[in-house]
mmCIF file of all heavy atoms, coordinates in Angstrom:
data_MODEL
# 
_entry.id   MODEL 
# 
loop_
_atom_site.group_PDB 
_atom_site.id 
_atom_site.type_symbol 
_atom_site.label_atom_id 
_atom_site.label_alt_id 
_atom_site.label_comp_id 
_atom_site.label_asym_id 
_atom_site.label_entity_id 
_atom_site.label_seq_id 
_atom_site.pdbx_PDB_ins_code 
_atom_site.Cartn_x 
_atom_site.Cartn_y 
_atom_site.Cartn_z 
_atom_site.occupancy 
_atom_site.B_iso_or_equiv 
_atom_site.pdbx_formal_charge 
_atom_site.auth_seq_id 
_atom_site.auth_comp_id 
_atom_site.auth_asym_id 
_atom_site.auth_atom_id 
_atom_site.pdbx_PDB_model_num 
ATOM 1   N N   . CYS A 1 1  ? -32.263 -27.917 69.981 1.00 0.00 ? 1  CYS A N   1 
ATOM 2   C CA  . CYS A 1 1  ? -30.975 -27.973 69.275 1.00 0.00 ? 1  CYS A CA  1 
ATOM 3   C C   . CYS A 1 1  ? -30.532 -26.596 68.794 1.00 0.00 ? 1  CYS A C   1 
ATOM 4   O O   . CYS A 1 1  ? -29.342 -26.265 68.860 1.00 0.00 ? 1  CYS A O   1 
ATOM 5   C CB  . CYS A 1 1  ? -31.057 -28.947 68.101 1.00 0.00 ? 1  CYS A CB  1 
ATOM 6   S SG  . CYS A 1 1  ? -31.228 -30.657 68.626 1.00 0.00 ? 1  CYS A SG  1 
ATOM 7   N N   . LEU A 1 2  ? -31.460 -25.787 68.320 1.00 0.00 ? 2  LEU A N   1 
ATOM 8   C CA  . LEU A 1 2  ? -31.103 -24.445 67.879 1.00 0.00 ? 2  LEU A CA  1 
ATOM 9   C C   . LEU A 1 2  ? -30.714 -23.551 69.048 1.00 0.00 ? 2  LEU A C   1 
ATOM 10  O O   . LEU A 1 2  ? -29.823 -22.705 68.923 1.00 0.00 ? 2  LEU A O   1 
ATOM 11  C CB  . LEU A 1 2  ? -32.258 -23.828 67.081 1.00 0.00 ? 2  LEU A CB  1 
ATOM 12  C CG  . LEU A 1 2  ? -32.516 -24.454 65.720 1.00 0.00 ? 2  LEU A CG  1 
ATOM 13  C CD1 . LEU A 1 2  ? -33.748 -23.835 65.074 1.00 0.00 ? 2  LEU A CD1 1 
ATOM 14  C CD2 . LEU A 1 2  ? -31.315 -24.334 64.818 1.00 0.00 ? 2  LEU A CD2 1 
ATOM 15  N N   . ILE A 1 3  ? -31.341 -23.734 70.188 1.00 0.00 ? 3  ILE A N   1 
ATOM 16  C CA  . ILE A 1 3  ? -30.948 -22.977 71.379 1.00 0.00 ? 3  ILE A CA  1 
ATOM 17  C C   . ILE A 1 3  ? -29.542 -23.360 71.808 1.00 0.00 ? 3  ILE A C   1 
ATOM 18  O O   . ILE A 1 3  ? -28.739 -22.494 72.192 1.00 0.00 ? 3  ILE A O   1 
ATOM 19  C CB  . ILE A 1 3  ? -31.966 -23.185 72.521 1.00 0.00 ? 3  ILE A CB  1 
ATOM 20  C CG1 . ILE A 1 3  ? -33.258 -22.451 72.204 1.00 0.00 ? 3  ILE A CG1 1 
ATOM 21  C CG2 . ILE A 1 3  ? -31.405 -22.718 73.862 1.00 0.00 ? 3  ILE A CG2 1 
ATOM 22  C CD1 . ILE A 1 3  ? -34.390 -22.737 73.168 1.00 0.00 ? 3  ILE A CD1 1 
ATOM 23  N N   . ALA A 1 4  ? -29.212 -24.635 71.738 1.00 0.00 ? 4  ALA A N   1 
ATOM 24  C CA  . ALA A 1 4  ? -27.847 -25.070 72.085 1.00 0.00 ? 4  ALA A CA  1 
ATOM 25  C C   . ALA A 1 4  ? -26.833 -24.479 71.116 1.00 0.00 ? 4  ALA A C   1 
ATOM 26  O O   . ALA A 1 4  ? -25.738 -24.060 71.521 1.00 0.00 ? 4  ALA A O   1 
ATOM 27  C CB  . ALA A 1 4  ? -27.772 -26.594 72.088 1.00 0.00 ? 4  ALA A CB  1 
ATOM 28  N N   . ALA A 1 5  ? -27.187 -24.405 69.834 1.00 0.00 ? 5  ALA A N   1 
ATOM 29  C CA  . ALA A 1 5  ? -26.285 -23.782 68.855 1.00 0.00 ? 5  ALA A CA  1 
ATOM 30  C C   . ALA A 1 5  ? -26.141 -22.287 69.121 1.00 0.00 ? 5  ALA A C   1 
ATOM 31  O O   . ALA A 1 5  ? -25.053 -21.719 68.971 1.00 0.00 ? 5  ALA A O   1 
ATOM 32  C CB  . ALA A 1 5  ? -26.804 -24.023 67.439 1.00 0.00 ? 5  ALA A CB  1 
ATOM 33  N N   . GLN A 1 6  ? -27.221 -21.652 69.539 1.00 0.00 ? 6  GLN A N   1 
ATOM 34  C CA  . GLN A 1 6  ? -27.152 -20.235 69.870 1.00 0.00 ? 6  GLN A CA  1 
ATOM 35  C C   . GLN A 1 6  ? -26.336 -19.988 71.135 1.00 0.00 ? 6  GLN A C   1 
ATOM 36  O O   . GLN A 1 6  ? -25.737 -18.923 71.284 1.00 0.00 ? 6  GLN A O   1 
ATOM 37  C CB  . GLN A 1 6  ? -28.556 -19.656 70.053 1.00 0.00 ? 6  GLN A CB  1 
ATOM 38  C CG  . GLN A 1 6  ? -29.337 -19.557 68.783 1.00 0.00 ? 6  GLN A CG  1 
ATOM 39  C CD  . GLN A 1 6  ? -28.668 -18.655 67.787 1.00 0.00 ? 6  GLN A CD  1 
ATOM 40  O OE1 . GLN A 1 6  ? -28.295 -17.539 68.102 1.00 0.00 ? 6  GLN A OE1 1 
ATOM 41  N NE2 . GLN A 1 6  ? -28.508 -19.136 66.571 1.00 0.00 ? 6  GLN A NE2 1 
ATOM 42  N N   . LEU A 1 7  ? -26.309 -20.960 72.026 1.00 0.00 ? 7  LEU A N   1 
ATOM 43  C CA  . LEU A 1 7  ? -25.472 -20.838 73.214 1.00 0.00 ? 7  LEU A CA  1 
ATOM 44  C C   . LEU A 1 7  ? -23.995 -20.755 72.828 1.00 0.00 ? 7  LEU A C   1 
ATOM 45  O O   . LEU A 1 7  ? -23.238 -19.959 73.398 1.00 0.00 ? 7  LEU A O   1 
ATOM 46  C CB  . LEU A 1 7  ? -25.711 -22.019 74.159 1.00 0.00 ? 7  LEU A CB  1 
ATOM 47  C CG  . LEU A 1 7  ? -24.885 -22.028 75.440 1.00 0.00 ? 7  LEU A CG  1 
ATOM 48  C CD1 . LEU A 1 7  ? -25.255 -20.854 76.322 1.00 0.00 ? 7  LEU A CD1 1 
ATOM 49  C CD2 . LEU A 1 7  ? -25.079 -23.327 76.173 1.00 0.00 ? 7  LEU A CD2 1 
ATOM 50  N N   . ILE A 1 8  ? -23.600 -21.534 71.845 1.00 0.00 ? 8  ILE A N   1 
ATOM 51  C CA  . ILE A 1 8  ? -22.216 -21.478 71.358 1.00 0.00 ? 8  ILE A CA  1 
ATOM 52  C C   . ILE A 1 8  ? -21.926 -20.092 70.787 1.00 0.00 ? 8  ILE A C   1 
ATOM 53  O O   . ILE A 1 8  ? -20.879 -19.500 71.049 1.00 0.00 ? 8  ILE A O   1 
ATOM 54  C CB  . ILE A 1 8  ? -21.968 -22.582 70.314 1.00 0.00 ? 8  ILE A CB  1 
ATOM 55  C CG1 . ILE A 1 8  ? -22.134 -23.964 70.937 1.00 0.00 ? 8  ILE A CG1 1 
ATOM 56  C CG2 . ILE A 1 8  ? -20.579 -22.438 69.707 1.00 0.00 ? 8  ILE A CG2 1 
ATOM 57  C CD1 . ILE A 1 8  ? -22.112 -25.105 69.940 1.00 0.00 ? 8  ILE A CD1 1 
ATOM 58  N N   . LEU A 1 9  ? -22.864 -19.551 70.034 1.00 0.00 ? 9  LEU A N   1 
ATOM 59  C CA  . LEU A 1 9  ? -22.712 -18.200 69.487 1.00 0.00 ? 9  LEU A CA  1 
ATOM 60  C C   . LEU A 1 9  ? -22.645 -17.168 70.603 1.00 0.00 ? 9  LEU A C   1 
ATOM 61  O O   . LEU A 1 9  ? -21.828 -16.245 70.562 1.00 0.00 ? 9  LEU A O   1 
ATOM 62  C CB  . LEU A 1 9  ? -23.873 -17.882 68.545 1.00 0.00 ? 9  LEU A CB  1 
ATOM 63  C CG  . LEU A 1 9  ? -23.919 -16.469 67.978 1.00 0.00 ? 9  LEU A CG  1 
ATOM 64  C CD1 . LEU A 1 9  ? -22.766 -16.252 67.012 1.00 0.00 ? 9  LEU A CD1 1 
ATOM 65  C CD2 . LEU A 1 9  ? -25.241 -16.214 67.326 1.00 0.00 ? 9  LEU A CD2 1 
ATOM 66  N N   . GLY A 1 10 ? -23.467 -17.335 71.612 1.00 0.00 ? 10 GLY A N   1 
ATOM 67  C CA  . GLY A 1 10 ? -23.462 -16.410 72.747 1.00 0.00 ? 10 GLY A CA  1 
ATOM 68  C C   . GLY A 1 10 ? -22.142 -16.426 73.502 1.00 0.00 ? 10 GLY A C   1 
ATOM 69  O O   . GLY A 1 10 ? -21.687 -15.381 73.985 1.00 0.00 ? 10 GLY A O   1 
ATOM 70  N N   . LEU A 1 11 ? -21.528 -17.596 73.613 1.00 0.00 ? 11 LEU A N   1 
ATOM 71  C CA  . LEU A 1 11 ? -20.220 -17.672 74.266 1.00 0.00 ? 11 LEU A CA  1 
ATOM 72  C C   . LEU A 1 11 ? -19.174 -16.886 73.487 1.00 0.00 ? 11 LEU A C   1 
ATOM 73  O O   . LEU A 1 11 ? -18.346 -16.180 74.072 1.00 0.00 ? 11 LEU A O   1 
ATOM 74  C CB  . LEU A 1 11 ? -19.795 -19.134 74.416 1.00 0.00 ? 11 LEU A CB  1 
ATOM 75  C CG  . LEU A 1 11 ? -20.641 -20.003 75.340 1.00 0.00 ? 11 LEU A CG  1 
ATOM 76  C CD1 . LEU A 1 11 ? -20.158 -21.446 75.290 1.00 0.00 ? 11 LEU A CD1 1 
ATOM 77  C CD2 . LEU A 1 11 ? -20.618 -19.483 76.753 1.00 0.00 ? 11 LEU A CD2 1 
ATOM 78  N N   . GLY A 1 12 ? -19.209 -16.994 72.168 1.00 0.00 ? 12 GLY A N   1 
ATOM 79  C CA  . GLY A 1 12 ? -18.277 -16.234 71.333 1.00 0.00 ? 12 GLY A CA  1 
ATOM 80  C C   . GLY A 1 12 ? -18.509 -14.741 71.434 1.00 0.00 ? 12 GLY A C   1 
ATOM 81  O O   . GLY A 1 12 ? -17.559 -13.953 71.513 1.00 0.00 ? 12 GLY A O   1 
ATOM 82  N N   . LEU A 1 13 ? -19.760 -14.338 71.451 1.00 0.00 ? 13 LEU A N   1 
ATOM 83  C CA  . LEU A 1 13 ? -20.084 -12.922 71.574 1.00 0.00 ? 13 LEU A CA  1 
ATOM 84  C C   . LEU A 1 13 ? -19.655 -12.377 72.930 1.00 0.00 ? 13 LEU A C   1 
ATOM 85  O O   . LEU A 1 13 ? -19.122 -11.270 73.027 1.00 0.00 ? 13 LEU A O   1 
ATOM 86  C CB  . LEU A 1 13 ? -21.576 -12.707 71.355 1.00 0.00 ? 13 LEU A CB  1 
ATOM 87  C CG  . LEU A 1 13 ? -22.076 -11.267 71.330 1.00 0.00 ? 13 LEU A CG  1 
ATOM 88  C CD1 . LEU A 1 13 ? -21.429 -10.505 70.183 1.00 0.00 ? 13 LEU A CD1 1 
ATOM 89  C CD2 . LEU A 1 13 ? -23.575 -11.243 71.211 1.00 0.00 ? 13 LEU A CD2 1 
ATOM 90  N N   . LEU A 1 14 ? -19.852 -13.159 73.966 1.00 0.00 ? 14 LEU A N   1 
ATOM 91  C CA  . LEU A 1 14 ? -19.430 -12.744 75.305 1.00 0.00 ? 14 LEU A CA  1 
ATOM 92  C C   . LEU A 1 14 ? -17.918 -12.572 75.380 1.00 0.00 ? 14 LEU A C   1 
ATOM 93  O O   . LEU A 1 14 ? -17.422 -11.593 75.947 1.00 0.00 ? 14 LEU A O   1 
ATOM 94  C CB  . LEU A 1 14 ? -19.909 -13.757 76.344 1.00 0.00 ? 14 LEU A CB  1 
ATOM 95  C CG  . LEU A 1 14 ? -19.616 -13.425 77.799 1.00 0.00 ? 14 LEU A CG  1 
ATOM 96  C CD1 . LEU A 1 14 ? -20.325 -12.147 78.201 1.00 0.00 ? 14 LEU A CD1 1 
ATOM 97  C CD2 . LEU A 1 14 ? -20.024 -14.572 78.684 1.00 0.00 ? 14 LEU A CD2 1 
ATOM 98  N N   . LEU A 1 15 ? -17.183 -13.507 74.792 1.00 0.00 ? 15 LEU A N   1 
ATOM 99  C CA  . LEU A 1 15 ? -15.724 -13.365 74.764 1.00 0.00 ? 15 LEU A CA  1 
ATOM 100 C C   . LEU A 1 15 ? -15.301 -12.110 74.015 1.00 0.00 ? 15 LEU A C   1 
ATOM 101 O O   . LEU A 1 15 ? -14.379 -11.398 74.433 1.00 0.00 ? 15 LEU A O   1 
ATOM 102 C CB  . LEU A 1 15 ? -15.086 -14.586 74.101 1.00 0.00 ? 15 LEU A CB  1 
ATOM 103 C CG  . LEU A 1 15 ? -14.797 -15.775 74.991 1.00 0.00 ? 15 LEU A CG  1 
ATOM 104 C CD1 . LEU A 1 15 ? -14.224 -16.916 74.174 1.00 0.00 ? 15 LEU A CD1 1 
ATOM 105 C CD2 . LEU A 1 15 ? -13.865 -15.418 76.114 1.00 0.00 ? 15 LEU A CD2 1 
ATOM 106 N N   . CYS A 1 16 ? -15.970 -11.836 72.918 1.00 0.00 ? 16 CYS A N   1 
ATOM 107 C CA  . CYS A 1 16 ? -15.643 -10.644 72.131 1.00 0.00 ? 16 CYS A CA  1 
ATOM 108 C C   . CYS A 1 16 ? -15.907 -9.375  72.935 1.00 0.00 ? 16 CYS A C   1 
ATOM 109 O O   . CYS A 1 16 ? -15.093 -8.450  72.935 1.00 0.00 ? 16 CYS A O   1 
ATOM 110 C CB  . CYS A 1 16 ? -16.449 -10.648 70.843 1.00 0.00 ? 16 CYS A CB  1 
ATOM 111 S SG  . CYS A 1 16 ? -16.178 -9.220  69.804 1.00 0.00 ? 16 CYS A SG  1 
ATOM 112 N N   . LEU A 1 17 ? -17.030 -9.331  73.626 1.00 0.00 ? 17 LEU A N   1 
ATOM 113 C CA  . LEU A 1 17 ? -17.377 -8.146  74.397 1.00 0.00 ? 17 LEU A CA  1 
ATOM 114 C C   . LEU A 1 17 ? -16.503 -7.977  75.633 1.00 0.00 ? 17 LEU A C   1 
ATOM 115 O O   . LEU A 1 17 ? -16.366 -6.867  76.141 1.00 0.00 ? 17 LEU A O   1 
ATOM 116 C CB  . LEU A 1 17 ? -18.853 -8.179  74.785 1.00 0.00 ? 17 LEU A CB  1 
ATOM 117 C CG  . LEU A 1 17 ? -19.836 -8.031  73.628 1.00 0.00 ? 17 LEU A CG  1 
ATOM 118 C CD1 . LEU A 1 17 ? -21.266 -8.160  74.121 1.00 0.00 ? 17 LEU A CD1 1 
ATOM 119 C CD2 . LEU A 1 17 ? -19.630 -6.725  72.899 1.00 0.00 ? 17 LEU A CD2 1 
ATOM 120 N N   . LEU A 1 18 ? -15.918 -9.057  76.110 1.00 0.00 ? 18 LEU A N   1 
ATOM 121 C CA  . LEU A 1 18 ? -15.002 -8.956  77.254 1.00 0.00 ? 18 LEU A CA  1 
ATOM 122 C C   . LEU A 1 18 ? -13.602 -8.520  76.842 1.00 0.00 ? 18 LEU A C   1 
ATOM 123 O O   . LEU A 1 18 ? -12.741 -8.348  77.693 1.00 0.00 ? 18 LEU A O   1 
ATOM 124 C CB  . LEU A 1 18 ? -14.937 -10.290 78.004 1.00 0.00 ? 18 LEU A CB  1 
ATOM 125 C CG  . LEU A 1 18 ? -16.157 -10.631 78.838 1.00 0.00 ? 18 LEU A CG  1 
ATOM 126 C CD1 . LEU A 1 18 ? -16.010 -12.010 79.458 1.00 0.00 ? 18 LEU A CD1 1 
ATOM 127 C CD2 . LEU A 1 18 ? -16.405 -9.589  79.899 1.00 0.00 ? 18 LEU A CD2 1 
ATOM 128 N N   . GLY A 1 19 ? -13.376 -8.360  75.555 1.00 0.00 ? 19 GLY A N   1 
ATOM 129 C CA  . GLY A 1 19 ? -12.099 -7.843  75.100 1.00 0.00 ? 19 GLY A CA  1 
ATOM 130 C C   . GLY A 1 19 ? -11.166 -8.872  74.521 1.00 0.00 ? 19 GLY A C   1 
ATOM 131 O O   . GLY A 1 19 ? -9.998  -8.578  74.271 1.00 0.00 ? 19 GLY A O   1 
ATOM 132 N N   . ASP A 1 20 ? -11.627 -10.082 74.288 1.00 0.00 ? 20 ASP A N   1 
ATOM 133 C CA  . ASP A 1 20 ? -10.790 -11.100 73.680 1.00 0.00 ? 20 ASP A CA  1 
ATOM 134 C C   . ASP A 1 20 ? -10.650 -10.783 72.182 1.00 0.00 ? 20 ASP A C   1 
ATOM 135 O O   . ASP A 1 20 ? -11.398 -9.990  71.621 1.00 0.00 ? 20 ASP A O   1 
ATOM 136 C CB  . ASP A 1 20 ? -11.412 -12.479 73.880 1.00 0.00 ? 20 ASP A CB  1 
ATOM 137 C CG  . ASP A 1 20 ? -10.419 -13.600 73.675 1.00 0.00 ? 20 ASP A CG  1 
ATOM 138 O OD1 . ASP A 1 20 ? -9.214  -13.317 73.639 1.00 0.00 ? 20 ASP A OD1 1 
ATOM 139 O OD2 . ASP A 1 20 ? -10.860 -14.755 73.547 1.00 0.00 ? 20 ASP A OD2 1 
ATOM 140 N N   . ASP A 1 21 ? -9.699  -11.430 71.552 1.00 0.00 ? 21 ASP A N   1 
ATOM 141 C CA  . ASP A 1 21 ? -9.488  -11.164 70.125 1.00 0.00 ? 21 ASP A CA  1 
ATOM 142 C C   . ASP A 1 21 ? -10.640 -11.717 69.288 1.00 0.00 ? 21 ASP A C   1 
ATOM 143 O O   . ASP A 1 21 ? -11.424 -12.539 69.743 1.00 0.00 ? 21 ASP A O   1 
ATOM 144 C CB  . ASP A 1 21 ? -8.158  -11.753 69.660 1.00 0.00 ? 21 ASP A CB  1 
ATOM 145 C CG  . ASP A 1 21 ? -8.069  -13.244 69.906 1.00 0.00 ? 21 ASP A CG  1 
ATOM 146 O OD1 . ASP A 1 21 ? -8.926  -13.774 70.633 1.00 0.00 ? 21 ASP A OD1 1 
ATOM 147 O OD2 . ASP A 1 21 ? -7.150  -13.873 69.363 1.00 0.00 ? 21 ASP A OD2 1 
ATOM 148 N N   . LEU A 1 22 ? -10.727 -11.233 68.075 1.00 0.00 ? 22 LEU A N   1 
ATOM 149 C CA  . LEU A 1 22 ? -11.833 -11.622 67.200 1.00 0.00 ? 22 LEU A CA  1 
ATOM 150 C C   . LEU A 1 22 ? -11.721 -13.065 66.711 1.00 0.00 ? 22 LEU A C   1 
ATOM 151 O O   . LEU A 1 22 ? -12.713 -13.634 66.253 1.00 0.00 ? 22 LEU A O   1 
ATOM 152 C CB  . LEU A 1 22 ? -11.910 -10.676 66.006 1.00 0.00 ? 22 LEU A CB  1 
ATOM 153 C CG  . LEU A 1 22 ? -12.402 -9.264  66.322 1.00 0.00 ? 22 LEU A CG  1 
ATOM 154 C CD1 . LEU A 1 22 ? -12.325 -8.386  65.085 1.00 0.00 ? 22 LEU A CD1 1 
ATOM 155 C CD2 . LEU A 1 22 ? -13.794 -9.293  66.869 1.00 0.00 ? 22 LEU A CD2 1 
ATOM 156 N N   . ALA A 1 23 ? -10.555 -13.678 66.797 1.00 0.00 ? 23 ALA A N   1 
ATOM 157 C CA  . ALA A 1 23 ? -10.392 -15.055 66.332 1.00 0.00 ? 23 ALA A CA  1 
ATOM 158 C C   . ALA A 1 23 ? -11.266 -16.008 67.144 1.00 0.00 ? 23 ALA A C   1 
ATOM 159 O O   . ALA A 1 23 ? -11.848 -16.946 66.591 1.00 0.00 ? 23 ALA A O   1 
ATOM 160 C CB  . ALA A 1 23 ? -8.928  -15.470 66.420 1.00 0.00 ? 23 ALA A CB  1 
ATOM 161 N N   . SER A 1 24 ? -11.380 -15.791 68.443 1.00 0.00 ? 24 SER A N   1 
ATOM 162 C CA  . SER A 1 24 ? -12.251 -16.645 69.258 1.00 0.00 ? 24 SER A CA  1 
ATOM 163 C C   . SER A 1 24 ? -13.707 -16.468 68.855 1.00 0.00 ? 24 SER A C   1 
ATOM 164 O O   . SER A 1 24 ? -14.457 -17.435 68.796 1.00 0.00 ? 24 SER A O   1 
ATOM 165 C CB  . SER A 1 24 ? -12.156 -16.328 70.736 1.00 0.00 ? 24 SER A CB  1 
ATOM 166 O OG  . SER A 1 24 ? -10.967 -15.817 71.103 1.00 0.00 ? 24 SER A OG  1 
ATOM 167 N N   . PHE A 1 25 ? -14.082 -15.224 68.596 1.00 0.00 ? 25 PHE A N   1 
ATOM 168 C CA  . PHE A 1 25 ? -15.456 -14.973 68.161 1.00 0.00 ? 25 PHE A CA  1 
ATOM 169 C C   . PHE A 1 25 ? -15.738 -15.670 66.840 1.00 0.00 ? 25 PHE A C   1 
ATOM 170 O O   . PHE A 1 25 ? -16.777 -16.301 66.669 1.00 0.00 ? 25 PHE A O   1 
ATOM 171 C CB  . PHE A 1 25 ? -15.693 -13.461 68.036 1.00 0.00 ? 25 PHE A CB  1 
ATOM 172 C CG  . PHE A 1 25 ? -17.011 -13.118 67.415 1.00 0.00 ? 25 PHE A CG  1 
ATOM 173 C CD1 . PHE A 1 25 ? -18.193 -13.320 68.115 1.00 0.00 ? 25 PHE A CD1 1 
ATOM 174 C CD2 . PHE A 1 25 ? -17.076 -12.604 66.137 1.00 0.00 ? 25 PHE A CD2 1 
ATOM 175 C CE1 . PHE A 1 25 ? -19.406 -13.010 67.543 1.00 0.00 ? 25 PHE A CE1 1 
ATOM 176 C CE2 . PHE A 1 25 ? -18.290 -12.290 65.554 1.00 0.00 ? 25 PHE A CE2 1 
ATOM 177 C CZ  . PHE A 1 25 ? -19.464 -12.491 66.262 1.00 0.00 ? 25 PHE A CZ  1 
ATOM 178 N N   . TYR A 1 26 ? -14.807 -15.551 65.895 1.00 0.00 ? 26 TYR A N   1 
ATOM 179 C CA  . TYR A 1 26 ? -15.002 -16.198 64.597 1.00 0.00 ? 26 TYR A CA  1 
ATOM 180 C C   . TYR A 1 26 ? -15.053 -17.716 64.727 1.00 0.00 ? 26 TYR A C   1 
ATOM 181 O O   . TYR A 1 26 ? -15.859 -18.377 64.059 1.00 0.00 ? 26 TYR A O   1 
ATOM 182 C CB  . TYR A 1 26 ? -13.889 -15.809 63.621 1.00 0.00 ? 26 TYR A CB  1 
ATOM 183 C CG  . TYR A 1 26 ? -13.916 -14.376 63.186 1.00 0.00 ? 26 TYR A CG  1 
ATOM 184 C CD1 . TYR A 1 26 ? -12.747 -13.672 62.987 1.00 0.00 ? 26 TYR A CD1 1 
ATOM 185 C CD2 . TYR A 1 26 ? -15.119 -13.714 62.973 1.00 0.00 ? 26 TYR A CD2 1 
ATOM 186 C CE1 . TYR A 1 26 ? -12.770 -12.345 62.582 1.00 0.00 ? 26 TYR A CE1 1 
ATOM 187 C CE2 . TYR A 1 26 ? -15.151 -12.392 62.578 1.00 0.00 ? 26 TYR A CE2 1 
ATOM 188 C CZ  . TYR A 1 26 ? -13.982 -11.719 62.384 1.00 0.00 ? 26 TYR A CZ  1 
ATOM 189 O OH  . TYR A 1 26 ? -14.009 -10.416 61.976 1.00 0.00 ? 26 TYR A OH  1 
ATOM 190 N N   . LEU A 1 27 ? -14.223 -18.275 65.571 1.00 0.00 ? 27 LEU A N   1 
ATOM 191 C CA  . LEU A 1 27 ? -14.210 -19.725 65.749 1.00 0.00 ? 27 LEU A CA  1 
ATOM 192 C C   . LEU A 1 27 ? -15.530 -20.223 66.335 1.00 0.00 ? 27 LEU A C   1 
ATOM 193 O O   . LEU A 1 27 ? -16.132 -21.171 65.815 1.00 0.00 ? 27 LEU A O   1 
ATOM 194 C CB  . LEU A 1 27 ? -13.038 -20.139 66.642 1.00 0.00 ? 27 LEU A CB  1 
ATOM 195 C CG  . LEU A 1 27 ? -12.919 -21.625 66.905 1.00 0.00 ? 27 LEU A CG  1 
ATOM 196 C CD1 . LEU A 1 27 ? -12.434 -22.332 65.650 1.00 0.00 ? 27 LEU A CD1 1 
ATOM 197 C CD2 . LEU A 1 27 ? -11.989 -21.889 68.051 1.00 0.00 ? 27 LEU A CD2 1 
ATOM 198 N N   . LEU A 1 28 ? -15.982 -19.589 67.403 1.00 0.00 ? 28 LEU A N   1 
ATOM 199 C CA  . LEU A 1 28 ? -17.225 -20.036 68.031 1.00 0.00 ? 28 LEU A CA  1 
ATOM 200 C C   . LEU A 1 28 ? -18.440 -19.728 67.152 1.00 0.00 ? 28 LEU A C   1 
ATOM 201 O O   . LEU A 1 28 ? -19.392 -20.510 67.112 1.00 0.00 ? 28 LEU A O   1 
ATOM 202 C CB  . LEU A 1 28 ? -17.368 -19.405 69.412 1.00 0.00 ? 28 LEU A CB  1 
ATOM 203 C CG  . LEU A 1 28 ? -16.389 -19.944 70.447 1.00 0.00 ? 28 LEU A CG  1 
ATOM 204 C CD1 . LEU A 1 28 ? -16.448 -19.133 71.727 1.00 0.00 ? 28 LEU A CD1 1 
ATOM 205 C CD2 . LEU A 1 28 ? -16.649 -21.405 70.744 1.00 0.00 ? 28 LEU A CD2 1 
# 
């Protein structure tokens, strides 16, 4: 369960590093 929660965090971090706005990172 914690790995699945970290996957959600990883998706947000990936979006942030690809140049998306910080709102997506904060949401995820």
